[in-house]
Amino acid sequence: MSKVKYYYDSESLSYRKIERKKRTTFTYAFMFLLASGLFGFLFVFITSQYIESPKERALKRELQNSQLQFQLLNRKMTEAETVLANVADRDNNIYRVYFEANPIPDEQRKAGFGGVNRYKNFEGFDNSKLIIESNKRLDILQKEIVVQSKSLDEIAKLAAEKEKLLAAIPAIQPVPNEDLKRMASGYGMRSDPFTKVRKMHWGMDFSAPKGTPIYASGDGIVERADNTATGYGNHIRIDHGYGYESLYAHLYKYNVKRNQKVRRGDLIGFVGSTGRSEAPHLHYEIFKDGQRINPINFYYGSLTAEEFNKMLEHASLENQSLD
C-alpha cells in the first residue's frame, strides 16, 4: 500500500492530502523508462566495445588462424620461388646452352595475367590485400612451373636428339691401328699413282692386308653396297643422318646389304684392292651436307692424343695416294 503524503496549508492552517495528477504520473513513468532505455543502450554499447561475446571470440580466433595460414602459405611460396629460380638459372645457363637452345627470358617466366580482373571476388574484405597478393603470387608461381616444365620437356627431346647425333657422327677410325700397315695418304693434293699428276685426294687411304676387317664409323643405314661407282670398286656408303655420310672403297667383300641398319663398330666389310687401286687399302671419305670434308677431324672416338698427332703428321705429307 502506497504512502499518503500531506502538505501544510497556511491559509486554512491545516494539513491537506497531496493529490498526484495522472499527467504527472505518466511523465514520471516516461522519464523513468527513457532513462532506463538510455542506460541499457549505453551499457550494451560499452560492454560490446570491451567485452567480447563467445561468438565474437570464436570469429576472432578463426580470423587470426586464417592470417597465420596465409603467412605460412606466403613463406612456402617464397621457398618455392627460390627453388624454381635456381632451376630456371641452371636451365638457362647450363642445359639450354649445352643443347644450343635459346634461354627463356624472365619476362616470359614471370609474366602476370592481363585483361579481366581475376581477383575481383576477393575485394571488399578486411584482408582483401593479403588474399589478392597471395593469389597473384600463387598464379605466377603456377605459370612459372608450367613454363619450366615445357622447357624441361624440350631439353629432354634435345638430349635424345643429341644422343642420336653423337652416335651417328662418324667418330672412329674404320680400320684399327693394330690392323694397319700404315696410313698411306691423307686428304688434300696428292700425286696420282697412275698418271703421276697432282690432283685432289678426297679421302684418306689406310694400307692394310687384304681381308682386314672394316668397321662402321657411326650409326646409320647402308645406302649403297655395290661396285657401280667409277673408280671405287666394291664400296659401301652409309647414311648417318644429320647430313653425314661415310664411304668405304676398294673392298674385297661386303658384310652388309643395302638398307641395313648398322651401329658404330659393326663389321661392314673387308679391305681389298678392287676398282682403281694400286694395292690393298681402304679409301675412306666423309660427306657433310653433300660436301666432302677431311676425315681426320672425326677420329676422337678411337685415337689417343699421341696416335692422333702421329696420324696428323702422316696425313699432312704430300705423298702418292693409292687410288
C-alpha atoms as a PDB file:
ATOM      1  CA  MET A   1       0.000   0.000   0.000  1.00  0.00           C
ATOM      2  CA  SER A   2       1.433   3.351  -1.077  1.00  0.00           C
ATOM      3  CA  LYS A   3       2.048   6.022   1.467  1.00  0.00           C
ATOM      4  CA  VAL A   4      -0.302   9.032   1.659  1.00  0.00           C
ATOM      5  CA  LYS A   5       1.501  12.354   1.609  1.00  0.00           C
ATOM      6  CA  TYR A   6       0.254  15.668   3.070  1.00  0.00           C
ATOM      7  CA  TYR A   7       1.238  19.259   2.917  1.00  0.00           C
ATOM      8  CA  TYR A   8       0.514  22.160   5.352  1.00  0.00           C
ATOM      9  CA  ASP A   9      -1.895  24.796   4.040  1.00  0.00           C
ATOM     10  CA  SER A  10      -1.007  28.099   5.700  1.00  0.00           C
ATOM     11  CA  GLU A  11      -4.284  29.710   4.736  1.00  0.00           C
ATOM     12  CA  SER A  12      -6.500  27.098   6.345  1.00  0.00           C
ATOM     13  CA  LEU A  13      -3.964  26.316   8.998  1.00  0.00           C
ATOM     14  CA  SER A  14      -4.471  22.627   8.312  1.00  0.00           C
ATOM     15  CA  TYR A  15      -2.850  19.625   6.556  1.00  0.00           C
ATOM     16  CA  ARG A  16      -4.142  18.698   3.171  1.00  0.00           C
ATOM     17  CA  LYS A  17      -3.666  15.495   1.245  1.00  0.00           C
ATOM     18  CA  ILE A  18      -1.372  15.698  -1.798  1.00  0.00           C
ATOM     19  CA  GLU A  19      -3.208  14.670  -4.909  1.00  0.00           C
ATOM     20  CA  ARG A  20      -0.889  13.497  -7.809  1.00  0.00           C
ATOM     21  CA  LYS A  21      -2.159  14.233 -11.241  1.00  0.00           C
ATOM     22  CA  LYS A  22      -2.281  11.420 -13.805  1.00  0.00           C
ATOM     23  CA  ARG A  23      -0.301  13.513 -16.289  1.00  0.00           C
ATOM     24  CA  THR A  24       2.469  13.955 -13.783  1.00  0.00           C
ATOM     25  CA  THR A  25       2.487  10.224 -13.097  1.00  0.00           C
ATOM     26  CA  PHE A  26       2.729   9.453 -16.828  1.00  0.00           C
ATOM     27  CA  THR A  27       5.535  11.956 -17.225  1.00  0.00           C
ATOM     28  CA  TYR A  28       7.493  10.412 -14.360  1.00  0.00           C
ATOM     29  CA  ALA A  29       6.935   6.943 -15.789  1.00  0.00           C
ATOM     30  CA  PHE A  30       8.037   8.001 -19.271  1.00  0.00           C
ATOM     31  CA  MET A  31      11.167   9.681 -17.924  1.00  0.00           C
ATOM     32  CA  PHE A  32      11.988   6.574 -15.938  1.00  0.00           C
ATOM     33  CA  LEU A  33      11.596   4.283 -18.956  1.00  0.00           C
ATOM     34  CA  LEU A  34      13.590   6.657 -21.140  1.00  0.00           C
ATOM     35  CA  ALA A  35      16.388   6.829 -18.619  1.00  0.00           C
ATOM     36  CA  SER A  36      16.328   3.043 -18.258  1.00  0.00           C
ATOM     37  CA  GLY A  37      16.469   2.526 -22.020  1.00  0.00           C
ATOM     38  CA  LEU A  38      19.292   5.024 -22.391  1.00  0.00           C
ATOM     39  CA  PHE A  39      21.193   3.413 -19.580  1.00  0.00           C
ATOM     40  CA  GLY A  40      20.669  -0.047 -21.094  1.00  0.00           C
ATOM     41  CA  PHE A  41      21.861   1.136 -24.509  1.00  0.00           C
ATOM     42  CA  LEU A  42      24.960   2.719 -23.005  1.00  0.00           C
ATOM     43  CA  PHE A  43      25.634  -0.428 -21.051  1.00  0.00           C
ATOM     44  CA  VAL A  44      25.330  -2.675 -24.112  1.00  0.00           C
ATOM     45  CA  PHE A  45      27.427  -0.294 -26.222  1.00  0.00           C
ATOM     46  CA  ILE A  46      30.202  -0.048 -23.653  1.00  0.00           C
ATOM     47  CA  THR A  47      30.258  -3.781 -22.952  1.00  0.00           C
ATOM     48  CA  SER A  48      30.317  -4.554 -26.696  1.00  0.00           C
ATOM     49  CA  GLN A  49      33.439  -2.428 -27.052  1.00  0.00           C
ATOM     50  CA  TYR A  50      35.359  -4.008 -24.230  1.00  0.00           C
ATOM     51  CA  ILE A  51      33.722  -7.352 -23.583  1.00  0.00           C
ATOM     52  CA  GLU A  52      33.615  -9.967 -26.402  1.00  0.00           C
ATOM     53  CA  SER A  53      30.847 -12.450 -26.821  1.00  0.00           C
ATOM     54  CA  PRO A  54      31.676 -16.176 -27.283  1.00  0.00           C
ATOM     55  CA  LYS A  55      30.733 -15.895 -30.951  1.00  0.00           C
ATOM     56  CA  GLU A  56      32.975 -12.850 -31.424  1.00  0.00           C
ATOM     57  CA  ARG A  57      35.841 -14.621 -29.706  1.00  0.00           C
ATOM     58  CA  ALA A  58      35.396 -17.646 -31.981  1.00  0.00           C
ATOM     59  CA  LEU A  59      35.316 -15.451 -35.101  1.00  0.00           C
ATOM     60  CA  LYS A  60      38.393 -13.557 -33.944  1.00  0.00           C
ATOM     61  CA  ARG A  61      40.299 -16.808 -33.378  1.00  0.00           C
ATOM     62  CA  GLU A  62      39.236 -18.000 -36.825  1.00  0.00           C
ATOM     63  CA  LEU A  63      40.427 -14.762 -38.398  1.00  0.00           C
ATOM     64  CA  GLN A  64      43.776 -14.943 -36.603  1.00  0.00           C
ATOM     65  CA  ASN A  65      44.196 -18.544 -37.727  1.00  0.00           C
ATOM     66  CA  SER A  66      43.406 -17.546 -41.335  1.00  0.00           C
ATOM     67  CA  GLN A  67      46.008 -14.783 -41.203  1.00  0.00           C
ATOM     68  CA  LEU A  68      48.556 -17.224 -39.800  1.00  0.00           C
ATOM     69  CA  GLN A  69      47.797 -19.729 -42.569  1.00  0.00           C
ATOM     70  CA  PHE A  70      48.232 -17.025 -45.212  1.00  0.00           C
ATOM     71  CA  GLN A  71      51.579 -16.080 -43.678  1.00  0.00           C
ATOM     72  CA  LEU A  72      52.700 -19.732 -43.747  1.00  0.00           C
ATOM     73  CA  LEU A  73      51.471 -20.029 -47.333  1.00  0.00           C
ATOM     74  CA  ASN A  74      53.466 -16.953 -48.361  1.00  0.00           C
ATOM     75  CA  ARG A  75      56.548 -18.364 -46.654  1.00  0.00           C
ATOM     76  CA  LYS A  76      56.174 -21.645 -48.559  1.00  0.00           C
ATOM     77  CA  MET A  77      55.676 -19.726 -51.814  1.00  0.00           C
ATOM     78  CA  THR A  78      58.865 -17.777 -51.099  1.00  0.00           C
ATOM     79  CA  GLU A  79      60.770 -21.054 -50.658  1.00  0.00           C
ATOM     80  CA  ALA A  80      59.219 -22.465 -53.845  1.00  0.00           C
ATOM     81  CA  GLU A  81      60.130 -19.292 -55.764  1.00  0.00           C
ATOM     82  CA  THR A  82      63.745 -19.600 -54.574  1.00  0.00           C
ATOM     83  CA  VAL A  83      63.993 -23.238 -55.682  1.00  0.00           C
ATOM     84  CA  LEU A  84      62.309 -22.516 -59.003  1.00  0.00           C
ATOM     85  CA  ALA A  85      64.617 -19.542 -59.621  1.00  0.00           C
ATOM     86  CA  ASN A  86      67.613 -21.849 -59.090  1.00  0.00           C
ATOM     87  CA  VAL A  87      66.198 -24.407 -61.543  1.00  0.00           C
ATOM     88  CA  ALA A  88      65.479 -21.646 -64.073  1.00  0.00           C
ATOM     89  CA  ASP A  89      69.048 -20.328 -63.735  1.00  0.00           C
ATOM     90  CA  ARG A  90      70.527 -23.786 -64.405  1.00  0.00           C
ATOM     91  CA  ASP A  91      68.044 -24.304 -67.223  1.00  0.00           C
ATOM     92  CA  ASN A  92      69.065 -21.087 -68.985  1.00  0.00           C
ATOM     93  CA  ASN A  93      72.811 -21.147 -68.279  1.00  0.00           C
ATOM     94  CA  ILE A  94      73.619 -24.865 -68.429  1.00  0.00           C
ATOM     95  CA  TYR A  95      71.008 -27.093 -70.050  1.00  0.00           C
ATOM     96  CA  ARG A  96      69.814 -24.758 -72.809  1.00  0.00           C
ATOM     97  CA  VAL A  97      73.355 -23.553 -73.533  1.00  0.00           C
ATOM     98  CA  TYR A  98      74.646 -27.130 -73.836  1.00  0.00           C
ATOM     99  CA  PHE A  99      71.861 -28.127 -76.205  1.00  0.00           C
ATOM    100  CA  GLU A 100      72.114 -24.858 -78.159  1.00  0.00           C
ATOM    101  CA  ALA A 101      68.612 -23.664 -77.274  1.00  0.00           C
ATOM    102  CA  ASN A 102      67.743 -20.015 -76.661  1.00  0.00           C
ATOM    103  CA  PRO A 103      67.331 -19.075 -72.963  1.00  0.00           C
ATOM    104  CA  ILE A 104      63.839 -18.209 -71.733  1.00  0.00           C
ATOM    105  CA  PRO A 105      63.656 -14.521 -70.661  1.00  0.00           C
ATOM    106  CA  ASP A 106      62.442 -13.623 -67.152  1.00  0.00           C
ATOM    107  CA  GLU A 107      59.616 -11.573 -68.678  1.00  0.00           C
ATOM    108  CA  GLN A 108      58.179 -14.775 -70.116  1.00  0.00           C
ATOM    109  CA  ARG A 109      58.762 -16.844 -66.978  1.00  0.00           C
ATOM    110  CA  LYS A 110      57.273 -14.328 -64.519  1.00  0.00           C
ATOM    111  CA  ALA A 111      54.603 -12.707 -66.683  1.00  0.00           C
ATOM    112  CA  GLY A 112      51.350 -11.829 -64.923  1.00  0.00           C
ATOM    113  CA  PHE A 113      47.829 -12.059 -66.268  1.00  0.00           C
ATOM    114  CA  GLY A 114      46.315  -9.131 -68.155  1.00  0.00           C
ATOM    115  CA  GLY A 115      42.765  -8.405 -69.187  1.00  0.00           C
ATOM    116  CA  VAL A 116      39.853  -9.120 -66.834  1.00  0.00           C
ATOM    117  CA  ASN A 117      40.400  -8.577 -63.114  1.00  0.00           C
ATOM    118  CA  ARG A 118      40.906 -12.143 -61.907  1.00  0.00           C
ATOM    119  CA  TYR A 119      40.735 -11.137 -58.232  1.00  0.00           C
ATOM    120  CA  LYS A 120      37.537  -9.072 -58.115  1.00  0.00           C
ATOM    121  CA  ASN A 121      35.820 -11.667 -55.911  1.00  0.00           C
ATOM    122  CA  PHE A 122      38.445 -11.079 -53.208  1.00  0.00           C
ATOM    123  CA  GLU A 123      37.808  -7.333 -52.939  1.00  0.00           C
ATOM    124  CA  GLY A 124      35.789  -5.661 -50.146  1.00  0.00           C
ATOM    125  CA  PHE A 125      37.070  -7.727 -47.202  1.00  0.00           C
ATOM    126  CA  ASP A 126      39.214  -6.713 -44.226  1.00  0.00           C
ATOM    127  CA  ASN A 127      42.117  -8.812 -45.551  1.00  0.00           C
ATOM    128  CA  SER A 128      41.495  -8.318 -49.269  1.00  0.00           C
ATOM    129  CA  LYS A 129      45.012  -7.035 -49.935  1.00  0.00           C
ATOM    130  CA  LEU A 130      46.634 -10.062 -48.279  1.00  0.00           C
ATOM    131  CA  ILE A 131      44.343 -12.500 -50.087  1.00  0.00           C
ATOM    132  CA  ILE A 132      44.791 -10.830 -53.501  1.00  0.00           C
ATOM    133  CA  GLU A 133      48.602 -10.641 -53.224  1.00  0.00           C
ATOM    134  CA  SER A 134      48.813 -14.296 -52.156  1.00  0.00           C
ATOM    135  CA  ASN A 135      46.666 -15.390 -55.087  1.00  0.00           C
ATOM    136  CA  LYS A 136      48.736 -13.298 -57.528  1.00  0.00           C
ATOM    137  CA  ARG A 137      51.960 -14.897 -56.306  1.00  0.00           C
ATOM    138  CA  LEU A 138      50.415 -18.344 -56.496  1.00  0.00           C
ATOM    139  CA  ASP A 139      49.188 -17.777 -60.068  1.00  0.00           C
ATOM    140  CA  ILE A 140      52.603 -16.513 -61.213  1.00  0.00           C
ATOM    141  CA  LEU A 141      54.304 -19.441 -59.460  1.00  0.00           C
ATOM    142  CA  GLN A 142      52.000 -21.904 -61.209  1.00  0.00           C
ATOM    143  CA  LYS A 143      52.742 -20.254 -64.562  1.00  0.00           C
ATOM    144  CA  GLU A 144      56.499 -20.424 -63.895  1.00  0.00           C
ATOM    145  CA  ILE A 145      56.168 -24.140 -63.164  1.00  0.00           C
ATOM    146  CA  VAL A 146      54.303 -24.676 -66.440  1.00  0.00           C
ATOM    147  CA  VAL A 147      56.971 -22.726 -68.401  1.00  0.00           C
ATOM    148  CA  GLN A 148      59.776 -24.649 -66.688  1.00  0.00           C
ATOM    149  CA  SER A 149      58.035 -27.978 -67.276  1.00  0.00           C
ATOM    150  CA  LYS A 150      57.717 -27.250 -71.002  1.00  0.00           C
ATOM    151  CA  SER A 151      61.362 -26.174 -71.101  1.00  0.00           C
ATOM    152  CA  LEU A 152      62.494 -29.433 -69.480  1.00  0.00           C
ATOM    153  CA  ASP A 153      60.365 -31.389 -71.957  1.00  0.00           C
ATOM    154  CA  GLU A 154      62.171 -29.542 -74.748  1.00  0.00           C
ATOM    155  CA  ILE A 155      65.559 -30.241 -73.140  1.00  0.00           C
ATOM    156  CA  ALA A 156      64.695 -33.949 -72.824  1.00  0.00           C
ATOM    157  CA  LYS A 157      63.841 -34.061 -76.521  1.00  0.00           C
ATOM    158  CA  LEU A 158      67.036 -32.189 -77.421  1.00  0.00           C
ATOM    159  CA  ALA A 159      69.050 -34.565 -75.214  1.00  0.00           C
ATOM    160  CA  ALA A 160      67.582 -37.566 -77.010  1.00  0.00           C
ATOM    161  CA  GLU A 161      68.405 -35.972 -80.369  1.00  0.00           C
ATOM    162  CA  LYS A 162      71.889 -35.053 -79.119  1.00  0.00           C
ATOM    163  CA  GLU A 163      72.482 -38.647 -78.093  1.00  0.00           C
ATOM    164  CA  LYS A 164      71.384 -39.854 -81.524  1.00  0.00           C
ATOM    165  CA  LEU A 165      73.544 -37.209 -83.201  1.00  0.00           C
ATOM    166  CA  LEU A 166      76.642 -38.174 -81.201  1.00  0.00           C
ATOM    167  CA  ALA A 167      76.075 -41.835 -82.052  1.00  0.00           C
ATOM    168  CA  ALA A 168      75.545 -41.025 -85.725  1.00  0.00           C
ATOM    169  CA  ILE A 169      78.606 -38.842 -86.313  1.00  0.00           C
ATOM    170  CA  PRO A 170      81.389 -40.977 -87.916  1.00  0.00           C
ATOM    171  CA  ALA A 171      83.786 -40.704 -84.992  1.00  0.00           C
ATOM    172  CA  ILE A 172      86.109 -43.733 -85.099  1.00  0.00           C
ATOM    173  CA  GLN A 173      88.847 -44.920 -87.396  1.00  0.00           C
ATOM    174  CA  PRO A 174      87.320 -47.561 -89.713  1.00  0.00           C
ATOM    175  CA  VAL A 175      90.427 -49.765 -89.557  1.00  0.00           C
ATOM    176  CA  PRO A 176      92.002 -50.183 -86.081  1.00  0.00           C
ATOM    177  CA  ASN A 177      95.667 -49.226 -85.717  1.00  0.00           C
ATOM    178  CA  GLU A 178      96.679 -52.793 -84.833  1.00  0.00           C
ATOM    179  CA  ASP A 179      95.472 -53.948 -88.264  1.00  0.00           C
ATOM    180  CA  LEU A 180      97.192 -51.201 -90.247  1.00  0.00           C
ATOM    181  CA  LYS A 181     100.445 -51.356 -92.151  1.00  0.00           C
ATOM    182  CA  ARG A 182     100.441 -47.552 -92.306  1.00  0.00           C
ATOM    183  CA  MET A 183      98.310 -44.513 -93.006  1.00  0.00           C
ATOM    184  CA  ALA A 184      99.237 -44.278 -96.678  1.00  0.00           C
ATOM    185  CA  SER A 185      97.780 -40.965 -97.772  1.00  0.00           C
ATOM    186  CA  GLY A 186      95.724 -38.128 -96.403  1.00  0.00           C
ATOM    187  CA  TYR A 187      93.132 -35.607 -97.582  1.00  0.00           C
ATOM    188  CA  GLY A 188      94.463 -32.962 -99.956  1.00  0.00           C
ATOM    189  CA  MET A 189      96.574 -32.540-103.102  1.00  0.00           C
ATOM    190  CA  ARG A 190      98.394 -35.791-103.847  1.00  0.00           C
ATOM    191  CA  SER A 191     100.243 -37.473-106.720  1.00  0.00           C
ATOM    192  CA  ASP A 192      98.011 -39.866-108.681  1.00  0.00           C
ATOM    193  CA  PRO A 193      99.570 -43.397-108.676  1.00  0.00           C
ATOM    194  CA  PHE A 194      98.663 -43.987-112.339  1.00  0.00           C
ATOM    195  CA  THR A 195      99.101 -40.608-114.044  1.00  0.00           C
ATOM    196  CA  LYS A 196     101.631 -39.129-111.579  1.00  0.00           C
ATOM    197  CA  VAL A 197      99.708 -35.833-111.831  1.00  0.00           C
ATOM    198  CA  ARG A 198      98.921 -33.880-108.676  1.00  0.00           C
ATOM    199  CA  LYS A 199      95.211 -33.810-108.033  1.00  0.00           C
ATOM    200  CA  MET A 200      92.790 -33.569-105.119  1.00  0.00           C
ATOM    201  CA  HIS A 201      92.581 -36.683-102.983  1.00  0.00           C
ATOM    202  CA  TRP A 202      89.156 -36.510-101.301  1.00  0.00           C
ATOM    203  CA  GLY A 203      89.683 -39.063 -98.548  1.00  0.00           C
ATOM    204  CA  MET A 204      92.231 -40.992 -96.513  1.00  0.00           C
ATOM    205  CA  ASP A 205      93.986 -44.209 -97.544  1.00  0.00           C
ATOM    206  CA  PHE A 206      94.641 -46.858 -94.891  1.00  0.00           C
ATOM    207  CA  SER A 207      97.111 -49.528 -96.069  1.00  0.00           C
ATOM    208  CA  ALA A 208      96.244 -52.973 -94.675  1.00  0.00           C
ATOM    209  CA  PRO A 209      96.420 -56.629 -95.786  1.00  0.00           C
ATOM    210  CA  LYS A 210      93.636 -57.994 -97.953  1.00  0.00           C
ATOM    211  CA  GLY A 211      90.750 -59.255 -95.785  1.00  0.00           C
ATOM    212  CA  THR A 212      91.425 -56.838 -92.877  1.00  0.00           C
ATOM    213  CA  PRO A 213      88.083 -56.029 -91.137  1.00  0.00           C
ATOM    214  CA  ILE A 214      86.471 -52.648 -91.749  1.00  0.00           C
ATOM    215  CA  TYR A 215      84.081 -51.169 -89.173  1.00  0.00           C
ATOM    216  CA  ALA A 216      81.253 -48.621 -89.437  1.00  0.00           C
ATOM    217  CA  SER A 217      82.433 -45.315 -88.029  1.00  0.00           C
ATOM    218  CA  GLY A 218      78.937 -44.281 -86.839  1.00  0.00           C
ATOM    219  CA  ASP A 219      75.307 -45.385 -86.584  1.00  0.00           C
ATOM    220  CA  GLY A 220      73.367 -45.250 -89.824  1.00  0.00           C
ATOM    221  CA  ILE A 221      71.734 -47.053 -92.734  1.00  0.00           C
ATOM    222  CA  VAL A 222      73.659 -48.681 -95.595  1.00  0.00           C
ATOM    223  CA  GLU A 223      72.801 -46.570 -98.632  1.00  0.00           C
ATOM    224  CA  ARG A 224      74.938 -48.482-101.120  1.00  0.00           C
ATOM    225  CA  ALA A 225      76.899 -51.726-101.166  1.00  0.00           C
ATOM    226  CA  ASP A 226      77.923 -52.235-104.819  1.00  0.00           C
ATOM    227  CA  ASN A 227      80.640 -51.614-107.415  1.00  0.00           C
ATOM    228  CA  THR A 228      78.802 -49.339-109.835  1.00  0.00           C
ATOM    229  CA  ALA A 229      80.592 -46.081-108.949  1.00  0.00           C
ATOM    230  CA  THR A 230      83.594 -45.311-111.166  1.00  0.00           C
ATOM    231  CA  GLY A 231      86.979 -45.943-109.551  1.00  0.00           C
ATOM    232  CA  TYR A 232      85.719 -47.074-106.110  1.00  0.00           C
ATOM    233  CA  GLY A 233      85.347 -50.782-106.950  1.00  0.00           C
ATOM    234  CA  ASN A 234      83.414 -52.621-104.271  1.00  0.00           C
ATOM    235  CA  HIS A 235      82.333 -49.892-101.890  1.00  0.00           C
ATOM    236  CA  ILE A 236      79.864 -49.097 -99.119  1.00  0.00           C
ATOM    237  CA  ARG A 237      78.153 -45.787 -98.447  1.00  0.00           C
ATOM    238  CA  ILE A 238      76.440 -45.255 -95.058  1.00  0.00           C
ATOM    239  CA  ASP A 239      73.884 -42.506 -94.438  1.00  0.00           C
ATOM    240  CA  HIS A 240      74.306 -41.435 -90.798  1.00  0.00           C
ATOM    241  CA  GLY A 241      71.585 -38.778 -90.824  1.00  0.00           C
ATOM    242  CA  TYR A 242      72.018 -35.146 -89.782  1.00  0.00           C
ATOM    243  CA  GLY A 243      73.725 -34.552 -93.150  1.00  0.00           C
ATOM    244  CA  TYR A 244      76.603 -37.011 -92.538  1.00  0.00           C
ATOM    245  CA  GLU A 245      77.661 -39.831 -94.885  1.00  0.00           C
ATOM    246  CA  SER A 246      80.727 -42.076 -94.965  1.00  0.00           C
ATOM    247  CA  LEU A 247      82.211 -44.032 -97.868  1.00  0.00           C
ATOM    248  CA  TYR A 248      84.434 -47.140 -97.763  1.00  0.00           C
ATOM    249  CA  ALA A 249      86.043 -48.069-101.114  1.00  0.00           C
ATOM    250  CA  HIS A 250      88.143 -50.823-102.813  1.00  0.00           C
ATOM    251  CA  LEU A 251      86.680 -53.567-100.588  1.00  0.00           C
ATOM    252  CA  TYR A 252      87.457 -57.246-101.041  1.00  0.00           C
ATOM    253  CA  LYS A 253      83.889 -58.176-100.000  1.00  0.00           C
ATOM    254  CA  TYR A 254      80.873 -56.874 -98.064  1.00  0.00           C
ATOM    255  CA  ASN A 255      79.427 -57.893 -94.732  1.00  0.00           C
ATOM    256  CA  VAL A 256      76.265 -55.759 -95.043  1.00  0.00           C
ATOM    257  CA  LYS A 257      73.431 -55.182 -97.513  1.00  0.00           C
ATOM    258  CA  ARG A 258      71.667 -52.095 -98.830  1.00  0.00           C
ATOM    259  CA  ASN A 259      69.129 -50.560 -96.379  1.00  0.00           C
ATOM    260  CA  GLN A 260      70.642 -52.478 -93.466  1.00  0.00           C
ATOM    261  CA  LYS A 261      70.909 -50.591 -90.162  1.00  0.00           C
ATOM    262  CA  VAL A 262      74.371 -50.551 -88.623  1.00  0.00           C
ATOM    263  CA  ARG A 263      75.837 -49.245 -85.392  1.00  0.00           C
ATOM    264  CA  ARG A 264      79.227 -47.718 -84.766  1.00  0.00           C
ATOM    265  CA  GLY A 265      81.822 -50.510 -84.590  1.00  0.00           C
ATOM    266  CA  ASP A 266      79.815 -53.048 -86.622  1.00  0.00           C
ATOM    267  CA  LEU A 267      81.830 -55.130 -89.119  1.00  0.00           C
ATOM    268  CA  ILE A 268      80.736 -53.986 -92.586  1.00  0.00           C
ATOM    269  CA  GLY A 269      83.377 -55.348 -94.975  1.00  0.00           C
ATOM    270  CA  PHE A 270      86.990 -56.300 -95.640  1.00  0.00           C
ATOM    271  CA  VAL A 271      89.978 -54.486 -97.153  1.00  0.00           C
ATOM    272  CA  GLY A 272      90.678 -55.232-100.809  1.00  0.00           C
ATOM    273  CA  SER A 273      92.069 -53.653-103.971  1.00  0.00           C
ATOM    274  CA  THR A 274      89.090 -53.522-106.324  1.00  0.00           C
ATOM    275  CA  GLY A 275      88.444 -50.649-108.706  1.00  0.00           C
ATOM    276  CA  ARG A 276      91.076 -48.016-109.382  1.00  0.00           C
ATOM    277  CA  SER A 277      93.553 -49.159-106.736  1.00  0.00           C
ATOM    278  CA  GLU A 278      97.291 -49.752-106.724  1.00  0.00           C
ATOM    279  CA  ALA A 279      97.454 -52.004-103.630  1.00  0.00           C
ATOM    280  CA  PRO A 280      95.200 -53.383-100.867  1.00  0.00           C
ATOM    281  CA  HIS A 281      93.925 -50.479 -98.798  1.00  0.00           C
ATOM    282  CA  LEU A 282      90.761 -48.737 -97.600  1.00  0.00           C
ATOM    283  CA  HIS A 283      89.866 -45.425 -99.187  1.00  0.00           C
ATOM    284  CA  TYR A 284      87.691 -43.591 -96.663  1.00  0.00           C
ATOM    285  CA  GLU A 285      85.639 -40.418 -97.229  1.00  0.00           C
ATOM    286  CA  ILE A 286      83.207 -38.348 -95.147  1.00  0.00           C
ATOM    287  CA  PHE A 287      80.468 -36.087 -96.527  1.00  0.00           C
ATOM    288  CA  LYS A 288      78.600 -33.342 -94.720  1.00  0.00           C
ATOM    289  CA  ASP A 289      75.522 -31.951 -96.470  1.00  0.00           C
ATOM    290  CA  GLY A 290      76.786 -33.434 -99.734  1.00  0.00           C
ATOM    291  CA  GLN A 291      80.272 -31.881 -99.483  1.00  0.00           C
ATOM    292  CA  ARG A 292      83.444 -33.904 -98.882  1.00  0.00           C
ATOM    293  CA  ILE A 293      85.282 -32.947 -95.683  1.00  0.00           C
ATOM    294  CA  ASN A 294      88.577 -34.058 -94.158  1.00  0.00           C
ATOM    295  CA  PRO A 295      88.033 -37.337 -92.226  1.00  0.00           C
ATOM    296  CA  ILE A 296      90.971 -36.625 -89.915  1.00  0.00           C
ATOM    297  CA  ASN A 297      88.748 -34.387 -87.803  1.00  0.00           C
ATOM    298  CA  PHE A 298      86.481 -37.331 -86.914  1.00  0.00           C
ATOM    299  CA  TYR A 299      88.666 -39.794 -85.009  1.00  0.00           C
ATOM    300  CA  TYR A 300      88.115 -38.520 -81.477  1.00  0.00           C
ATOM    301  CA  GLY A 301      86.235 -41.706 -80.579  1.00  0.00           C
ATOM    302  CA  SER A 302      89.080 -44.174 -81.103  1.00  0.00           C
ATOM    303  CA  LEU A 303      92.516 -42.490 -81.032  1.00  0.00           C
ATOM    304  CA  THR A 304      94.641 -41.216 -78.176  1.00  0.00           C
ATOM    305  CA  ALA A 305      96.189 -37.773 -78.441  1.00  0.00           C
ATOM    306  CA  GLU A 306      99.546 -39.329 -79.324  1.00  0.00           C
ATOM    307  CA  GLU A 307      98.013 -41.535 -82.025  1.00  0.00           C
ATOM    308  CA  PHE A 308      96.077 -38.618 -83.456  1.00  0.00           C
ATOM    309  CA  ASN A 309      99.188 -36.411 -83.631  1.00  0.00           C
ATOM    310  CA  LYS A 310     101.088 -39.167 -85.425  1.00  0.00           C
ATOM    311  CA  MET A 311      98.234 -39.608 -87.920  1.00  0.00           C
ATOM    312  CA  LEU A 312      98.054 -35.854 -88.445  1.00  0.00           C
ATOM    313  CA  GLU A 313     101.770 -35.810 -89.225  1.00  0.00           C
ATOM    314  CA  HIS A 314     101.448 -38.606 -91.818  1.00  0.00           C
ATOM    315  CA  ALA A 315      98.285 -37.162 -93.344  1.00  0.00           C
ATOM    316  CA  SER A 316      99.953 -33.811 -93.961  1.00  0.00           C
ATOM    317  CA  LEU A 317     102.685 -35.352 -96.159  1.00  0.00           C
ATOM    318  CA  GLU A 318     102.095 -34.727 -99.869  1.00  0.00           C
ATOM    319  CA  ASN A 319     102.948 -38.257-100.956  1.00  0.00           C
ATOM    320  CA  GLN A 320     101.400 -40.523-103.558  1.00  0.00           C
ATOM    321  CA  SER A 321      97.904 -41.830-102.960  1.00  0.00           C
ATOM    322  CA  LEU A 322      96.965 -45.485-103.567  1.00  0.00           C
ATOM    323  CA  ASP A 323      93.937 -44.701-105.821  1.00  0.00           C
END
